Amino acid sequence: MRNLLIFILVLIVIWWVRRALQKPRAGRGGGASDEGRRQTPERMLACAHCGVHVPESEGVQAGEHFFCSEAHRKLGARRG
């Protein structure tokens, strides 16, 4: 019986320590929840040189063409 009580006590301590070490959740402190801060999806654009689709914020815009990197912008758009 004594061993069972010690085992239960150890489990409770582990649970308490684990809970204390977790990052505080946004909903507990009165802050905005993660669901309320969801971002809108970002547009994926095709590179004019290689055709790979990348997020608009990570690519390079040159005139009317969009490129996946500065190197492909320097090479220019492929024709055909």
PDB file of N, CA and C in Angstrom:
ATOM      1  N   MET A   1       0.823  -1.193   0.000  1.00  0.00           N
ATOM      2  CA  MET A   1       0.000   0.000   0.000  1.00  0.00           C
ATOM      3  C   MET A   1       0.867   1.257   0.000  1.00  0.00           C
ATOM      4  N   ARG A   2       1.941   1.200   0.784  1.00  0.00           N
ATOM      5  CA  ARG A   2       2.842   2.352   0.863  1.00  0.00           C
ATOM      6  C   ARG A   2       3.479   2.645  -0.496  1.00  0.00           C
ATOM      7  N   ASN A   3       3.873   1.605  -1.202  1.00  0.00           N
ATOM      8  CA  ASN A   3       4.485   1.771  -2.520  1.00  0.00           C
ATOM      9  C   ASN A   3       3.505   2.394  -3.521  1.00  0.00           C
ATOM     10  N   LEU A   4       2.252   2.031  -3.430  1.00  0.00           N
ATOM     11  CA  LEU A   4       1.236   2.594  -4.311  1.00  0.00           C
ATOM     12  C   LEU A   4       1.071   4.095  -4.058  1.00  0.00           C
ATOM     13  N   LEU A   5       1.049   4.494  -2.800  1.00  0.00           N
ATOM     14  CA  LEU A   5       0.920   5.914  -2.471  1.00  0.00           C
ATOM     15  C   LEU A   5       2.134   6.712  -2.957  1.00  0.00           C
ATOM     16  N   ILE A   6       3.326   6.146  -2.807  1.00  0.00           N
ATOM     17  CA  ILE A   6       4.534   6.812  -3.295  1.00  0.00           C
ATOM     18  C   ILE A   6       4.486   6.943  -4.817  1.00  0.00           C
ATOM     19  N   PHE A   7       4.049   5.905  -5.489  1.00  0.00           N
ATOM     20  CA  PHE A   7       3.937   5.923  -6.949  1.00  0.00           C
ATOM     21  C   PHE A   7       2.960   7.008  -7.408  1.00  0.00           C
ATOM     22  N   ILE A   8       1.813   7.104  -6.757  1.00  0.00           N
ATOM     23  CA  ILE A   8       0.820   8.126  -7.102  1.00  0.00           C
ATOM     24  C   ILE A   8       1.383   9.516  -6.828  1.00  0.00           C
ATOM     25  N   LEU A   9       2.100   9.678  -5.736  1.00  0.00           N
ATOM     26  CA  LEU A   9       2.706  10.959  -5.403  1.00  0.00           C
ATOM     27  C   LEU A   9       3.745  11.360  -6.460  1.00  0.00           C
ATOM     28  N   VAL A  10       4.541  10.423  -6.903  1.00  0.00           N
ATOM     29  CA  VAL A  10       5.535  10.697  -7.949  1.00  0.00           C
ATOM     30  C   VAL A  10       4.853  11.109  -9.245  1.00  0.00           C
ATOM     31  N   LEU A  11       3.778  10.432  -9.608  1.00  0.00           N
ATOM     32  CA  LEU A  11       3.040  10.806 -10.820  1.00  0.00           C
ATOM     33  C   LEU A  11       2.475  12.225 -10.729  1.00  0.00           C
ATOM     34  N   ILE A  12       1.959  12.576  -9.572  1.00  0.00           N
ATOM     35  CA  ILE A  12       1.404  13.922  -9.380  1.00  0.00           C
ATOM     36  C   ILE A  12       2.508  14.966  -9.492  1.00  0.00           C
ATOM     37  N   VAL A  13       3.670  14.702  -8.911  1.00  0.00           N
ATOM     38  CA  VAL A  13       4.787  15.651  -8.983  1.00  0.00           C
ATOM     39  C   VAL A  13       5.262  15.805 -10.432  1.00  0.00           C
ATOM     40  N   ILE A  14       5.376  14.717 -11.149  1.00  0.00           N
ATOM     41  CA  ILE A  14       5.780  14.778 -12.560  1.00  0.00           C
ATOM     42  C   ILE A  14       4.770  15.587 -13.362  1.00  0.00           C
ATOM     43  N   TRP A  15       3.496  15.343 -13.146  1.00  0.00           N
ATOM     44  CA  TRP A  15       2.455  16.084 -13.861  1.00  0.00           C
ATOM     45  C   TRP A  15       2.537  17.576 -13.544  1.00  0.00           C
ATOM     46  N   TRP A  16       2.745  17.911 -12.274  1.00  0.00           N
ATOM     47  CA  TRP A  16       2.813  19.310 -11.855  1.00  0.00           C
ATOM     48  C   TRP A  16       4.032  20.015 -12.463  1.00  0.00           C
ATOM     49  N   VAL A  17       5.190  19.360 -12.442  1.00  0.00           N
ATOM     50  CA  VAL A  17       6.410  19.952 -13.005  1.00  0.00           C
ATOM     51  C   VAL A  17       6.270  20.142 -14.509  1.00  0.00           C
ATOM     52  N   ARG A  18       5.739  19.159 -15.169  1.00  0.00           N
ATOM     53  CA  ARG A  18       5.551  19.244 -16.616  1.00  0.00           C
ATOM     54  C   ARG A  18       4.611  20.380 -16.989  1.00  0.00           C
ATOM     55  N   ARG A  19       3.563  20.534 -16.240  1.00  0.00           N
ATOM     56  CA  ARG A  19       2.592  21.601 -16.482  1.00  0.00           C
ATOM     57  C   ARG A  19       3.210  22.976 -16.209  1.00  0.00           C
ATOM     58  N   ALA A  20       4.052  23.064 -15.176  1.00  0.00           N
ATOM     59  CA  ALA A  20       4.697  24.331 -14.832  1.00  0.00           C
ATOM     60  C   ALA A  20       5.728  24.741 -15.881  1.00  0.00           C
ATOM     61  N   LEU A  21       6.376  23.765 -16.529  1.00  0.00           N
ATOM     62  CA  LEU A  21       7.407  24.068 -17.513  1.00  0.00           C
ATOM     63  C   LEU A  21       6.861  24.386 -18.900  1.00  0.00           C
ATOM     64  N   GLN A  22       5.623  24.034 -19.161  1.00  0.00           N
ATOM     65  CA  GLN A  22       5.024  24.331 -20.456  1.00  0.00           C
ATOM     66  C   GLN A  22       4.871  25.821 -20.620  1.00  0.00           C
ATOM     67  N   LYS A  23       4.927  26.280 -21.867  1.00  0.00           N
ATOM     68  CA  LYS A  23       4.717  27.697 -22.141  1.00  0.00           C
ATOM     69  C   LYS A  23       3.295  28.067 -21.761  1.00  0.00           C
ATOM     70  N   PRO A  24       3.117  29.248 -21.201  1.00  0.00           N
ATOM     71  CA  PRO A  24       1.755  29.656 -20.855  1.00  0.00           C
ATOM     72  C   PRO A  24       0.907  29.791 -22.121  1.00  0.00           C
ATOM     73  N   ARG A  25      -0.283  29.314 -22.036  1.00  0.00           N
ATOM     74  CA  ARG A  25      -1.185  29.395 -23.179  1.00  0.00           C
ATOM     75  C   ARG A  25      -1.766  30.781 -23.277  1.00  0.00           C
ATOM     76  N   ALA A  26      -2.022  31.231 -24.532  1.00  0.00           N
ATOM     77  CA  ALA A  26      -2.510  32.590 -24.753  1.00  0.00           C
ATOM     78  C   ALA A  26      -3.881  32.809 -24.123  1.00  0.00           C
ATOM     79  N   GLY A  27      -4.719  31.790 -24.069  1.00  0.00           N
ATOM     80  CA  GLY A  27      -6.067  31.935 -23.547  1.00  0.00           C
ATOM     81  C   GLY A  27      -6.114  32.134 -22.044  1.00  0.00           C
ATOM     82  N   ARG A  28      -5.101  31.673 -21.311  1.00  0.00           N
ATOM     83  CA  ARG A  28      -5.104  31.768 -19.855  1.00  0.00           C
ATOM     84  C   ARG A  28      -4.844  33.181 -19.359  1.00  0.00           C
ATOM     85  N   GLY A  29      -3.907  33.897 -20.001  1.00  0.00           N
ATOM     86  CA  GLY A  29      -3.485  35.188 -19.504  1.00  0.00           C
ATOM     87  C   GLY A  29      -4.348  36.338 -19.976  1.00  0.00           C
ATOM     88  N   GLY A  30      -5.428  36.092 -20.621  1.00  0.00           N
ATOM     89  CA  GLY A  30      -6.295  37.143 -21.107  1.00  0.00           C
ATOM     90  C   GLY A  30      -5.900  37.637 -22.486  1.00  0.00           C
ATOM     91  N   GLY A  31      -4.864  37.060 -23.068  1.00  0.00           N
ATOM     92  CA  GLY A  31      -4.431  37.474 -24.406  1.00  0.00           C
ATOM     93  C   GLY A  31      -5.295  36.844 -25.479  1.00  0.00           C
ATOM     94  N   ALA A  32      -5.021  37.227 -26.707  1.00  0.00           N
ATOM     95  CA  ALA A  32      -5.774  36.687 -27.841  1.00  0.00           C
ATOM     96  C   ALA A  32      -5.402  35.222 -28.048  1.00  0.00           C
ATOM     97  N   SER A  33      -6.354  34.440 -28.447  1.00  0.00           N
ATOM     98  CA  SER A  33      -6.081  33.028 -28.689  1.00  0.00           C
ATOM     99  C   SER A  33      -5.377  32.857 -30.024  1.00  0.00           C
ATOM    100  N   ASP A  34      -4.707  31.699 -30.202  1.00  0.00           N
ATOM    101  CA  ASP A  34      -4.013  31.436 -31.456  1.00  0.00           C
ATOM    102  C   ASP A  34      -4.982  31.384 -32.628  1.00  0.00           C
ATOM    103  N   GLU A  35      -6.186  30.911 -32.379  1.00  0.00           N
ATOM    104  CA  GLU A  35      -7.169  30.818 -33.452  1.00  0.00           C
ATOM    105  C   GLU A  35      -7.577  32.192 -33.958  1.00  0.00           C
ATOM    106  N   GLY A  36      -7.581  33.177 -33.088  1.00  0.00           N
ATOM    107  CA  GLY A  36      -7.975  34.518 -33.483  1.00  0.00           C
ATOM    108  C   GLY A  36      -6.896  35.235 -34.273  1.00  0.00           C
ATOM    109  N   ARG A  37      -5.671  34.723 -34.230  1.00  0.00           N
ATOM    110  CA  ARG A  37      -4.566  35.376 -34.916  1.00  0.00           C
ATOM    111  C   ARG A  37      -4.143  34.645 -36.178  1.00  0.00           C
ATOM    112  N   ARG A  38      -4.945  33.806 -36.699  1.00  0.00           N
ATOM    113  CA  ARG A  38      -4.583  33.066 -37.905  1.00  0.00           C
ATOM    114  C   ARG A  38      -4.356  34.031 -39.059  1.00  0.00           C
ATOM    115  N   GLN A  39      -3.329  33.745 -39.815  1.00  0.00           N
ATOM    116  CA  GLN A  39      -3.006  34.583 -40.955  1.00  0.00           C
ATOM    117  C   GLN A  39      -3.754  34.091 -42.185  1.00  0.00           C
ATOM    118  N   THR A  40      -3.999  35.002 -43.091  1.00  0.00           N
ATOM    119  CA  THR A  40      -4.609  34.605 -44.345  1.00  0.00           C
ATOM    120  C   THR A  40      -3.559  33.891 -45.189  1.00  0.00           C
ATOM    121  N   PRO A  41      -3.950  32.963 -46.027  1.00  0.00           N
ATOM    122  CA  PRO A  41      -2.988  32.238 -46.856  1.00  0.00           C
ATOM    123  C   PRO A  41      -2.254  33.188 -47.796  1.00  0.00           C
ATOM    124  N   GLU A  42      -0.987  32.908 -48.000  1.00  0.00           N
ATOM    125  CA  GLU A  42      -0.172  33.742 -48.872  1.00  0.00           C
ATOM    126  C   GLU A  42      -0.204  33.194 -50.293  1.00  0.00           C
ATOM    127  N   ARG A  43      -0.170  34.089 -51.254  1.00  0.00           N
ATOM    128  CA  ARG A  43      -0.199  33.662 -52.656  1.00  0.00           C
ATOM    129  C   ARG A  43       1.100  32.949 -53.023  1.00  0.00           C
ATOM    130  N   MET A  44       0.972  31.886 -53.793  1.00  0.00           N
ATOM    131  CA  MET A  44       2.119  31.160 -54.317  1.00  0.00           C
ATOM    132  C   MET A  44       2.235  31.516 -55.785  1.00  0.00           C
ATOM    133  N   LEU A  45       3.405  32.000 -56.178  1.00  0.00           N
ATOM    134  CA  LEU A  45       3.620  32.422 -57.555  1.00  0.00           C
ATOM    135  C   LEU A  45       4.701  31.576 -58.191  1.00  0.00           C
ATOM    136  N   ALA A  46       4.566  31.352 -59.503  1.00  0.00           N
ATOM    137  CA  ALA A  46       5.535  30.549 -60.247  1.00  0.00           C
ATOM    138  C   ALA A  46       6.696  31.419 -60.697  1.00  0.00           C
ATOM    139  N   CYS A  47       7.898  30.891 -60.578  1.00  0.00           N
ATOM    140  CA  CYS A  47       9.099  31.582 -61.041  1.00  0.00           C
ATOM    141  C   CYS A  47       9.057  31.650 -62.566  1.00  0.00           C
ATOM    142  N   ALA A  48       9.374  32.823 -63.118  1.00  0.00           N
ATOM    143  CA  ALA A  48       9.357  32.998 -64.574  1.00  0.00           C
ATOM    144  C   ALA A  48      10.517  32.259 -65.240  1.00  0.00           C
ATOM    145  N   HIS A  49      11.513  31.844 -64.468  1.00  0.00           N
ATOM    146  CA  HIS A  49      12.661  31.146 -65.045  1.00  0.00           C
ATOM    147  C   HIS A  49      12.518  29.623 -64.949  1.00  0.00           C
ATOM    148  N   CYS A  50      12.233  29.113 -63.751  1.00  0.00           N
ATOM    149  CA  CYS A  50      12.216  27.650 -63.558  1.00  0.00           C
ATOM    150  C   CYS A  50      10.822  27.074 -63.339  1.00  0.00           C
ATOM    151  N   GLY A  51       9.846  27.911 -63.010  1.00  0.00           N
ATOM    152  CA  GLY A  51       8.478  27.437 -62.824  1.00  0.00           C
ATOM    153  C   GLY A  51       8.134  26.964 -61.426  1.00  0.00           C
ATOM    154  N   VAL A  52       9.098  26.995 -60.504  1.00  0.00           N
ATOM    155  CA  VAL A  52       8.839  26.563 -59.130  1.00  0.00           C
ATOM    156  C   VAL A  52       7.928  27.577 -58.449  1.00  0.00           C
ATOM    157  N   HIS A  53       6.944  27.094 -57.696  1.00  0.00           N
ATOM    158  CA  HIS A  53       6.036  27.980 -56.966  1.00  0.00           C
ATOM    159  C   HIS A  53       6.607  28.279 -55.582  1.00  0.00           C
ATOM    160  N   VAL A  54       6.696  29.568 -55.254  1.00  0.00           N
ATOM    161  CA  VAL A  54       7.198  30.009 -53.954  1.00  0.00           C
ATOM    162  C   VAL A  54       6.251  31.056 -53.394  1.00  0.00           C
ATOM    163  N   PRO A  55       6.246  31.246 -52.057  1.00  0.00           N
ATOM    164  CA  PRO A  55       5.409  32.295 -51.483  1.00  0.00           C
ATOM    165  C   PRO A  55       5.829  33.670 -52.013  1.00  0.00           C
ATOM    166  N   GLU A  56       4.866  34.531 -52.196  1.00  0.00           N
ATOM    167  CA  GLU A  56       5.126  35.847 -52.771  1.00  0.00           C
ATOM    168  C   GLU A  56       6.150  36.632 -51.957  1.00  0.00           C
ATOM    169  N   SER A  57       6.144  36.490 -50.630  1.00  0.00           N
ATOM    170  CA  SER A  57       7.063  37.252 -49.787  1.00  0.00           C
ATOM    171  C   SER A  57       8.508  36.761 -49.881  1.00  0.00           C
ATOM    172  N   GLU A  58       8.724  35.547 -50.366  1.00  0.00           N
ATOM    173  CA  GLU A  58      10.071  34.991 -50.436  1.00  0.00           C
ATOM    174  C   GLU A  58      10.705  35.152 -51.802  1.00  0.00           C
ATOM    175  N   GLY A  59       9.953  35.566 -52.792  1.00  0.00           N
ATOM    176  CA  GLY A  59      10.467  35.706 -54.141  1.00  0.00           C
ATOM    177  C   GLY A  59      10.925  37.116 -54.450  1.00  0.00           C
ATOM    178  N   VAL A  60      11.307  37.308 -55.727  1.00  0.00           N
ATOM    179  CA  VAL A  60      11.808  38.596 -56.206  1.00  0.00           C
ATOM    180  C   VAL A  60      10.940  39.043 -57.371  1.00  0.00           C
ATOM    181  N   GLN A  61      10.452  40.270 -57.294  1.00  0.00           N
ATOM    182  CA  GLN A  61       9.616  40.829 -58.352  1.00  0.00           C
ATOM    183  C   GLN A  61      10.502  41.707 -59.232  1.00  0.00           C
ATOM    184  N   ALA A  62      10.415  41.539 -60.544  1.00  0.00           N
ATOM    185  CA  ALA A  62      11.149  42.369 -61.497  1.00  0.00           C
ATOM    186  C   ALA A  62      10.194  42.740 -62.621  1.00  0.00           C
ATOM    187  N   GLY A  63       9.653  43.944 -62.554  1.00  0.00           N
ATOM    188  CA  GLY A  63       8.671  44.360 -63.549  1.00  0.00           C
ATOM    189  C   GLY A  63       7.421  43.518 -63.421  1.00  0.00           C
ATOM    190  N   GLU A  64       7.022  42.899 -64.518  1.00  0.00           N
ATOM    191  CA  GLU A  64       5.829  42.046 -64.486  1.00  0.00           C
ATOM    192  C   GLU A  64       6.159  40.590 -64.215  1.00  0.00           C
ATOM    193  N   HIS A  65       7.438  40.269 -64.074  1.00  0.00           N
ATOM    194  CA  HIS A  65       7.866  38.889 -63.832  1.00  0.00           C
ATOM    195  C   HIS A  65       8.181  38.666 -62.356  1.00  0.00           C
ATOM    196  N   PHE A  66       7.978  37.421 -61.913  1.00  0.00           N
ATOM    197  CA  PHE A  66       8.260  37.005 -60.544  1.00  0.00           C
ATOM    198  C   PHE A  66       9.277  35.877 -60.597  1.00  0.00           C
ATOM    199  N   PHE A  67      10.291  35.946 -59.726  1.00  0.00           N
ATOM    200  CA  PHE A  67      11.354  34.938 -59.706  1.00  0.00           C
ATOM    201  C   PHE A  67      11.512  34.367 -58.297  1.00  0.00           C
ATOM    202  N   CYS A  68      11.992  33.129 -58.227  1.00  0.00           N
ATOM    203  CA  CYS A  68      12.153  32.469 -56.930  1.00  0.00           C
ATOM    204  C   CYS A  68      13.410  32.921 -56.207  1.00  0.00           C
ATOM    205  N   SER A  69      14.375  33.488 -56.915  1.00  0.00           N
ATOM    206  CA  SER A  69      15.613  33.934 -56.283  1.00  0.00           C
ATOM    207  C   SER A  69      16.237  35.063 -57.092  1.00  0.00           C
ATOM    208  N   GLU A  70      17.214  35.710 -56.487  1.00  0.00           N
ATOM    209  CA  GLU A  70      17.926  36.797 -57.161  1.00  0.00           C
ATOM    210  C   GLU A  70      18.720  36.253 -58.353  1.00  0.00           C
ATOM    211  N   ALA A  71      19.257  35.048 -58.223  1.00  0.00           N
ATOM    212  CA  ALA A  71      20.014  34.438 -59.326  1.00  0.00           C
ATOM    213  C   ALA A  71      19.125  34.234 -60.551  1.00  0.00           C
ATOM    214  N   HIS A  72      17.906  33.774 -60.341  1.00  0.00           N
ATOM    215  CA  HIS A  72      17.000  33.565 -61.480  1.00  0.00           C
ATOM    216  C   HIS A  72      16.509  34.898 -62.045  1.00  0.00           C
ATOM    217  N   ARG A  73      16.425  35.924 -61.203  1.00  0.00           N
ATOM    218  CA  ARG A  73      16.061  37.240 -61.720  1.00  0.00           C
ATOM    219  C   ARG A  73      17.139  37.745 -62.668  1.00  0.00           C
ATOM    220  N   LYS A  74      18.407  37.509 -62.325  1.00  0.00           N
ATOM    221  CA  LYS A  74      19.515  37.938 -63.171  1.00  0.00           C
ATOM    222  C   LYS A  74      19.547  37.157 -64.485  1.00  0.00           C
ATOM    223  N   LEU A  75      19.157  35.871 -64.420  1.00  0.00           N
ATOM    224  CA  LEU A  75      19.118  35.060 -65.648  1.00  0.00           C
ATOM    225  C   LEU A  75      17.957  35.454 -66.544  1.00  0.00           C
ATOM    226  N   GLY A  76      16.905  35.963 -65.975  1.00  0.00           N
ATOM    227  CA  GLY A  76      15.736  36.429 -66.746  1.00  0.00           C
ATOM    228  C   GLY A  76      14.710  35.343 -66.966  1.00  0.00           C
ATOM    229  N   ALA A  77      13.614  35.751 -67.562  1.00  0.00           N
ATOM    230  CA  ALA A  77      12.494  34.831 -67.812  1.00  0.00           C
ATOM    231  C   ALA A  77      12.811  33.926 -69.006  1.00  0.00           C
ATOM    232  N   ARG A  78      12.402  32.677 -68.909  1.00  0.00           N
ATOM    233  CA  ARG A  78      12.550  31.749 -70.027  1.00  0.00           C
ATOM    234  C   ARG A  78      11.465  32.001 -71.038  1.00  0.00           C
ATOM    235  N   ARG A  79      11.810  31.786 -72.239  1.00  0.00           N
ATOM    236  CA  ARG A  79      10.833  31.945 -73.327  1.00  0.00           C
ATOM    237  C   ARG A  79      10.387  30.572 -73.784  1.00  0.00           C
ATOM    238  N   GLY A  80       9.096  30.490 -74.064  1.00  0.00           N
ATOM    239  CA  GLY A  80       8.566  29.276 -74.652  1.00  0.00           C
ATOM    240  C   GLY A  80       8.274  28.248 -73.705  1.00  0.00           C
TER     241      GLY A  80
END
